[in-house]
Protein backbone atom coordinates (compact mmCIF):
# COMPACT_ATOMS: atom_id res chain seq x y z
CA MET A 1 -0.01 -0.01 -0.03
CA ALA A 2 1.38 3.50 -0.73
CA THR A 3 0.12 6.59 1.12
CA LEU A 4 1.11 10.11 -0.28
CA ILE A 5 1.40 13.10 2.28
CA ASN A 6 3.81 15.56 3.57
CA THR A 7 3.83 15.91 7.39
CA LEU A 8 3.21 19.46 8.47
CA SER A 9 4.77 18.83 11.79
CA GLY A 10 5.10 22.67 12.58
CA GLN A 11 2.30 24.94 13.89
CA ASN A 12 1.54 26.82 10.68
CA PRO A 13 1.43 25.97 6.78
CA PRO A 14 4.35 27.03 4.72
CA GLN A 15 4.58 30.64 3.66
CA THR A 16 3.48 32.58 0.73
CA GLY A 17 6.67 31.99 -1.51
CA GLU A 18 6.23 28.36 -1.60
CA ALA A 19 2.58 28.42 -2.42
CA ALA A 20 3.43 30.78 -5.27
CA HIS A 21 5.86 28.49 -6.60
CA ARG A 22 3.67 25.34 -6.75
CA HIS A 23 0.36 27.20 -7.20
CA PRO A 24 0.68 30.26 -9.41
CA GLU A 25 -3.05 30.40 -9.85
CA LYS A 26 -3.33 31.21 -6.24
CA ARG A 27 -0.48 33.87 -6.17
CA GLU A 28 -2.77 36.86 -5.90
CA ARG A 29 -5.28 35.37 -3.31
CA PRO A 30 -5.27 36.81 0.09
CA ASP A 31 -3.75 34.87 2.79
CA THR A 32 -6.26 32.86 4.62
CA PRO A 33 -6.38 32.64 8.59
CA VAL A 34 -4.49 29.63 9.94
CA LEU A 35 -6.22 27.84 13.06
CA ARG A 36 -3.82 26.09 15.39
CA LYS A 37 -3.78 22.44 15.31
CA PRO A 38 -5.53 20.51 18.26
CA ASP A 39 -3.57 17.88 20.10
CA TRP A 40 -5.45 15.16 18.30
CA ILE A 41 -3.90 16.31 14.87
CA ARG A 42 -0.28 15.92 15.84
CA VAL A 43 2.01 13.47 14.05
CA LYS A 44 5.41 12.31 14.40
CA ALA A 45 8.15 13.62 11.87
CA PRO A 46 9.29 11.07 9.21
CA MET A 47 12.34 9.05 10.39
CA GLY A 48 13.80 5.60 10.64
CA ALA A 49 15.57 3.03 8.48
CA GLU A 50 12.48 1.71 6.67
CA TYR A 51 11.24 5.13 5.99
CA GLN A 52 14.76 5.73 4.26
CA LYS A 53 14.58 2.58 2.44
CA THR A 54 11.04 3.40 1.11
CA ARG A 55 12.19 6.79 0.07
CA ASP A 56 15.19 5.29 -1.71
CA ILE A 57 13.10 2.95 -3.93
CA VAL A 58 10.87 5.74 -4.80
CA ARG A 59 13.70 7.66 -5.92
CA GLU A 60 15.59 5.05 -7.77
CA ASN A 61 12.50 4.37 -9.75
CA ARG A 62 11.98 8.04 -10.41
CA LEU A 63 8.28 7.84 -8.90
CA VAL A 64 6.03 10.30 -7.57
CA THR A 65 4.10 9.74 -4.48
CA VAL A 66 0.99 11.49 -3.33
CA CYS A 67 2.48 11.10 0.20
CA GLU A 68 4.69 13.72 -0.45
CA GLU A 69 3.01 15.79 -3.20
CA ALA A 70 -0.28 16.18 -1.00
CA ALA A 71 1.54 16.96 2.12
CA CYS A 72 -0.02 13.76 3.89
CA PRO A 73 0.15 13.67 7.70
CA ASN A 74 0.76 9.90 8.07
CA ILE A 75 3.91 9.70 5.49
CA GLY A 76 5.93 8.72 8.41
CA GLU A 77 4.09 5.98 9.65
CA CYS A 78 3.20 4.63 6.39
CA TRP A 79 6.61 4.87 5.04
CA GLN A 80 8.26 3.23 8.20
CA GLN A 81 5.89 0.27 7.19
CA ARG A 82 7.01 0.32 3.53
CA HIS A 83 3.59 1.27 2.44
CA ALA A 84 3.32 4.09 -0.36
CA THR A 85 0.77 5.51 -2.63
CA PHE A 86 2.07 6.05 -6.26
CA MET A 87 1.04 9.08 -8.27
CA ILE A 88 1.23 8.47 -11.94
CA LEU A 89 1.07 10.76 -14.89
CA GLY A 90 3.62 13.26 -13.53
CA GLU A 91 3.39 15.67 -10.49
CA THR A 92 1.49 18.74 -12.20
CA CYS A 93 -2.29 18.76 -12.16
CA THR A 94 -4.37 20.74 -14.64
CA ARG A 95 -7.08 21.39 -11.96
CA ALA A 96 -6.83 24.23 -9.16
CA CYS A 97 -8.71 22.72 -6.34
CA SER A 98 -8.22 25.23 -3.50
CA PHE A 99 -7.75 22.38 -0.75
CA CYS A 100 -5.05 20.37 -2.63
CA ASN A 101 -1.35 20.89 -2.34
CA VAL A 102 -0.30 19.15 -5.60
CA ALA A 103 1.32 21.67 -7.95
CA THR A 104 -0.84 23.11 -10.66
CA GLY A 105 0.22 24.12 -14.15
CA ILE A 106 0.79 22.69 -17.74
CA PRO A 107 1.97 18.94 -17.31
CA GLY A 108 5.22 17.40 -18.94
CA PRO A 109 4.79 14.51 -21.50
CA VAL A 110 3.61 11.18 -20.03
CA ASP A 111 6.30 8.87 -19.07
CA ALA A 112 6.03 5.65 -20.99
CA GLU A 113 8.37 3.80 -18.90
CA GLU A 114 6.30 4.79 -15.59
CA PRO A 115 3.92 1.77 -15.53
CA ALA A 116 7.05 -0.50 -15.58
CA ASN A 117 8.73 1.58 -13.01
CA VAL A 118 5.89 1.37 -10.57
CA ALA A 119 5.46 -2.27 -11.09
CA ARG A 120 9.10 -2.92 -10.24
CA ALA A 121 8.85 -0.84 -7.26
CA VAL A 122 5.67 -2.69 -6.07
CA ALA A 123 7.69 -6.15 -6.51
CA THR A 124 10.72 -4.52 -4.75
CA MET A 125 8.80 -3.37 -1.81
CA GLY A 126 6.86 -6.78 -1.67
CA LEU A 127 3.64 -4.90 -1.16
CA ALA A 128 0.42 -6.97 -0.67
CA HIS A 129 -1.67 -4.07 -1.68
CA VAL A 130 -0.91 -1.00 -3.52
CA VAL A 131 -2.85 2.20 -4.19
CA ILE A 132 -2.12 4.01 -7.46
CA THR A 133 -3.59 7.73 -7.89
CA SER A 134 -2.79 10.42 -10.19
CA VAL A 135 -3.40 14.04 -11.04
CA ASP A 136 -5.93 15.45 -13.35
CA ARG A 137 -4.77 15.25 -16.91
CA ASP A 138 -7.43 17.49 -18.60
CA ASP A 139 -4.89 18.11 -21.43
CA LEU A 140 -4.98 14.27 -22.46
CA ALA A 141 -7.67 12.89 -24.80
CA ASP A 142 -8.40 10.00 -22.50
CA GLY A 143 -7.55 11.85 -19.23
CA GLY A 144 -4.66 9.40 -18.53
CA ALA A 145 -7.22 6.34 -18.63
CA GLN A 146 -4.72 4.16 -20.81
CA HIS A 147 -1.80 4.71 -18.41
CA PHE A 148 -3.77 3.61 -15.68
CA VAL A 149 -4.72 0.46 -17.54
CA GLU A 150 -0.99 -0.10 -18.54
CA THR A 151 0.08 0.34 -14.81
CA ILE A 152 -2.43 -2.06 -13.50
CA GLU A 153 -1.34 -4.73 -16.20
CA ALA A 154 2.48 -4.15 -15.36
CA ILE A 155 1.71 -4.58 -11.67
CA ARG A 156 -0.08 -7.93 -12.31
CA VAL A 157 2.88 -9.17 -14.38
CA ALA A 158 5.57 -8.04 -11.84
CA ALA A 159 3.52 -8.89 -8.71
CA PRO A 160 0.62 -11.12 -9.39
CA ALA A 161 -0.11 -11.73 -5.84
CA THR A 162 -0.56 -7.82 -5.14
CA THR A 163 -4.23 -6.56 -4.98
CA ILE A 164 -4.69 -3.39 -6.90
CA GLU A 165 -6.56 0.01 -5.58
CA ILE A 166 -6.86 2.89 -7.80
CA LEU A 167 -7.86 6.39 -6.73
CA THR A 168 -8.67 8.05 -10.10
CA PRO A 169 -9.58 11.49 -11.36
CA ASP A 170 -13.27 11.90 -12.48
CA PHE A 171 -12.52 11.50 -16.39
CA LEU A 172 -14.92 14.55 -16.92
CA ARG A 173 -15.82 14.89 -20.72
CA LYS A 174 -13.40 11.96 -21.57
CA THR A 175 -15.85 9.68 -23.44
CA GLY A 176 -15.23 5.98 -22.79
CA ALA A 177 -12.16 6.68 -20.57
CA ALA A 178 -13.71 5.61 -17.24
CA GLU A 179 -15.14 2.37 -18.86
CA ARG A 180 -11.67 1.41 -19.98
CA VAL A 181 -10.22 1.63 -16.41
CA ILE A 182 -13.08 -0.31 -15.15
CA ASP A 183 -12.68 -2.91 -17.69
CA ALA A 184 -8.82 -3.40 -16.52
CA ALA A 185 -10.56 -4.90 -13.26
CA PRO A 186 -8.55 -3.31 -10.39
CA ASP A 187 -9.54 -4.83 -6.97
CA VAL A 188 -10.84 -1.50 -5.70
CA PHE A 189 -12.03 1.77 -7.66
CA ASN A 190 -11.75 4.86 -5.44
CA HIS A 191 -12.76 8.32 -6.48
CA ASN A 192 -13.18 10.92 -3.81
CA LEU A 193 -16.21 13.19 -3.78
CA GLU A 194 -14.10 15.22 -1.34
CA THR A 195 -16.78 17.69 -0.08
CA VAL A 196 -20.57 18.47 -0.12
CA PRO A 197 -22.17 19.81 -3.44
CA ARG A 198 -22.77 23.35 -2.11
CA LEU A 199 -19.07 23.91 -1.60
CA TYR A 200 -18.01 22.64 -5.11
CA PRO A 201 -17.68 25.87 -6.62
CA THR A 202 -15.19 27.17 -4.26
CA ILE A 203 -13.29 24.10 -3.09
CA ARG A 204 -13.44 21.74 -6.19
CA PRO A 205 -14.46 24.19 -9.10
CA GLY A 206 -13.17 21.98 -11.97
CA ALA A 207 -15.30 19.14 -10.92
CA ARG A 208 -18.93 18.22 -10.84
CA TYR A 209 -20.55 16.55 -7.88
CA TYR A 210 -23.10 14.51 -9.87
CA HIS A 211 -20.55 13.53 -12.35
CA SER A 212 -18.33 11.99 -9.75
CA LEU A 213 -21.00 10.35 -8.15
CA ARG A 214 -22.40 8.92 -11.44
CA LEU A 215 -18.72 7.56 -12.18
CA LEU A 216 -18.98 5.33 -9.04
CA GLU A 217 -22.13 4.26 -9.94
CA ARG A 218 -21.11 3.22 -13.43
CA VAL A 219 -18.28 0.93 -12.02
CA LYS A 220 -21.03 -1.25 -10.16
CA GLU A 221 -23.06 -1.17 -13.31
CA ARG A 222 -20.26 -2.30 -15.43
CA ASN A 223 -18.49 -4.84 -12.87
CA ASP A 224 -20.53 -5.37 -9.66
CA GLN A 225 -17.49 -7.61 -8.34
CA LEU A 226 -15.24 -4.55 -7.83
CA PHE A 227 -15.22 -2.67 -4.50
CA THR A 228 -15.91 1.00 -4.79
CA LYS A 229 -14.75 3.66 -2.58
CA SER A 230 -15.17 7.48 -1.97
CA GLY A 231 -13.89 9.89 0.63
CA LEU A 232 -14.71 13.31 2.27
CA MET A 233 -12.90 15.95 4.00
CA VAL A 234 -14.58 17.92 6.82
CA GLY A 235 -13.75 21.06 7.98
CA LEU A 236 -14.38 23.29 5.04
CA GLY A 237 -17.69 24.64 6.24
CA GLU A 238 -20.10 21.80 5.62
CA THR A 239 -22.71 20.81 7.94
CA ARG A 240 -23.31 17.53 9.49
CA ALA A 241 -26.79 17.41 7.63
CA GLU A 242 -25.11 17.86 4.37
CA ILE A 243 -22.69 14.95 5.18
CA MET A 244 -25.70 12.68 5.90
CA GLN A 245 -27.07 13.71 2.51
CA VAL A 246 -23.76 12.87 0.75
CA MET A 247 -23.65 9.30 2.40
CA ASP A 248 -27.22 8.64 1.22
CA ASP A 249 -26.05 9.68 -2.29
CA MET A 250 -23.14 7.36 -2.02
CA ARG A 251 -25.12 4.42 -0.77
CA THR A 252 -27.71 4.96 -3.79
CA ALA A 253 -24.78 4.74 -5.99
CA GLY A 254 -23.70 1.41 -4.38
CA ILE A 255 -20.38 2.67 -2.75
CA ASP A 256 -18.98 0.05 -0.34
CA PHE A 257 -16.41 2.10 1.47
CA ILE A 258 -16.39 5.65 2.78
CA THR A 259 -13.49 7.58 4.17
CA ILE A 260 -13.80 10.74 6.10
CA GLY A 261 -10.88 12.79 7.43
CA GLN A 262 -10.14 16.33 8.68
CA TYR A 263 -9.15 18.76 5.88
CA LEU A 264 -5.63 20.31 6.76
CA GLN A 265 -4.57 23.73 5.01
CA PRO A 266 -1.54 23.06 3.05
CA THR A 267 -0.68 26.95 2.94
CA ARG A 268 -1.99 30.31 3.47
CA LYS A 269 -3.21 30.65 -0.22
CA HIS A 270 -5.41 27.53 0.30
CA ALA A 271 -9.05 27.25 1.49
CA ALA A 272 -9.20 28.08 5.16
CA ILE A 273 -10.09 25.74 7.88
CA ASP A 274 -13.55 26.58 9.16
CA ARG A 275 -13.11 24.31 12.06
CA TYR A 276 -11.42 21.13 13.61
CA TRP A 277 -14.14 18.35 14.08
CA THR A 278 -13.57 16.55 17.36
CA PRO A 279 -12.71 12.69 17.51
CA GLU A 280 -15.94 12.32 19.19
CA GLU A 281 -17.88 13.81 16.11
CA PHE A 282 -15.76 11.54 13.82
CA LYS A 283 -17.22 8.64 15.92
CA GLY A 284 -20.69 9.89 15.35
CA LEU A 285 -19.94 10.13 11.56
CA GLU A 286 -18.62 6.57 11.64
CA ALA A 287 -21.74 5.28 13.51
CA ALA A 288 -24.20 7.14 11.25
CA ALA A 289 -22.22 5.75 7.98
CA GLN A 290 -22.48 2.08 9.50
CA ALA A 291 -26.01 2.48 10.09
CA LYS A 292 -26.61 3.55 6.49
CA GLY A 293 -24.84 0.08 5.10
CA PHE A 294 -21.60 0.84 4.11
CA LEU A 295 -19.41 -2.37 4.07
CA MET A 296 -16.36 -0.35 5.44
CA VAL A 297 -16.02 3.00 7.18
CA SER A 298 -12.79 4.72 8.07
CA ALA A 299 -13.62 8.17 9.90
CA SER A 300 -11.04 9.88 12.02
CA PRO A 301 -9.12 13.29 12.11
CA LEU A 302 -6.15 11.67 10.30
CA THR A 303 -7.92 9.31 7.89
CA ARG A 304 -7.07 9.49 4.26
CA SER A 305 -7.98 7.71 1.26
CA SER A 306 -4.93 5.29 1.13
CA HIS A 307 -4.25 5.13 4.99
CA HIS A 308 -4.30 1.50 6.06
CA ALA A 309 -5.57 0.56 2.57
CA GLY A 310 -4.04 -2.85 2.78
CA ASP A 311 -5.62 -3.77 5.93
CA ASP A 312 -8.86 -2.15 5.07
CA PHE A 313 -9.09 -4.19 1.86
CA LEU A 314 -8.92 -7.54 3.86
CA LYS A 315 -11.59 -6.16 6.28
CA LEU A 316 -13.75 -4.93 3.16
CA ARG A 317 -13.51 -8.31 1.50
CA ALA A 318 -14.41 -10.17 4.89
CA ALA A 319 -17.48 -7.86 5.17
CA ARG A 320 -18.69 -8.75 1.71
CA ALA A 321 -18.25 -12.38 2.45
CA GLY A 322 -20.12 -11.96 5.66
CA VAL A 323 -22.96 -10.41 3.86
CA GLU A 324 -23.17 -12.89 1.07
CA ALA A 325 -23.02 -15.78 3.78
CA ALA A 326 -26.02 -14.12 5.63
CA GLN A 327 -28.14 -13.85 2.47
């Protein structure tokens, strides 16, 4: 499993200069206020021999991880366990979501060797479960769908015992692209809704809530044996009632697994944190999601899409087996 995140162990996000370099579209935005992190958000700084080995494998294979690019708070824990989430199709995104730390701009050409490099890293690390994600590539005719397919196929050759989870972009206006990826039959198809529909114009302006929901529904229609998964961030100004409605929408679309985590502001140029949800509130969200019938729920301040993905996949498969046995 691979999880991509930079650990912000300090009190405040990086300053304006760094934000301007990675996010030129945010350069002229006024600085947003920064809330001090509560104790339950604190994480240890990355360290340890296994962390360094994971880092070396990533560098040797010229790979990008979402752990680093998206400033994930769990990178120290995951990399120490030799778990990593690989980000394909480059490190520059064509979208400019106000919550995301991945660099925005004009991407470079697709690296034809990347699928093989990812597969080699998966085999070298001995991963039982791997997560593959990508930037948005609106510049490509298929949004990068074929590259996902080639990466899945390469992993199946190099590490046939490894289960594969993909976290895809929305393939908006890319006819037939999603179907191509679905037909490659990853074990888990993940696409994050990220937030409630009311906040899409400011938080995820390049996306469309109902298109993303429909994408996940199409996965089930095309292959009902694939597990589907989606995630939400809280702390952007959403209400609990809005989250309950998103959960209902997800269940209507047949989504198996929901993840809910606290939004952490990457820089002062990104969307401000409205508030920190407490661990008790996350437990309430978890209970509500379980009551709505999800096979799996992960809800905590530090929950991220690919955090503990390998262990969660085994639980997900066992949960389905339990439901089928009871029928």
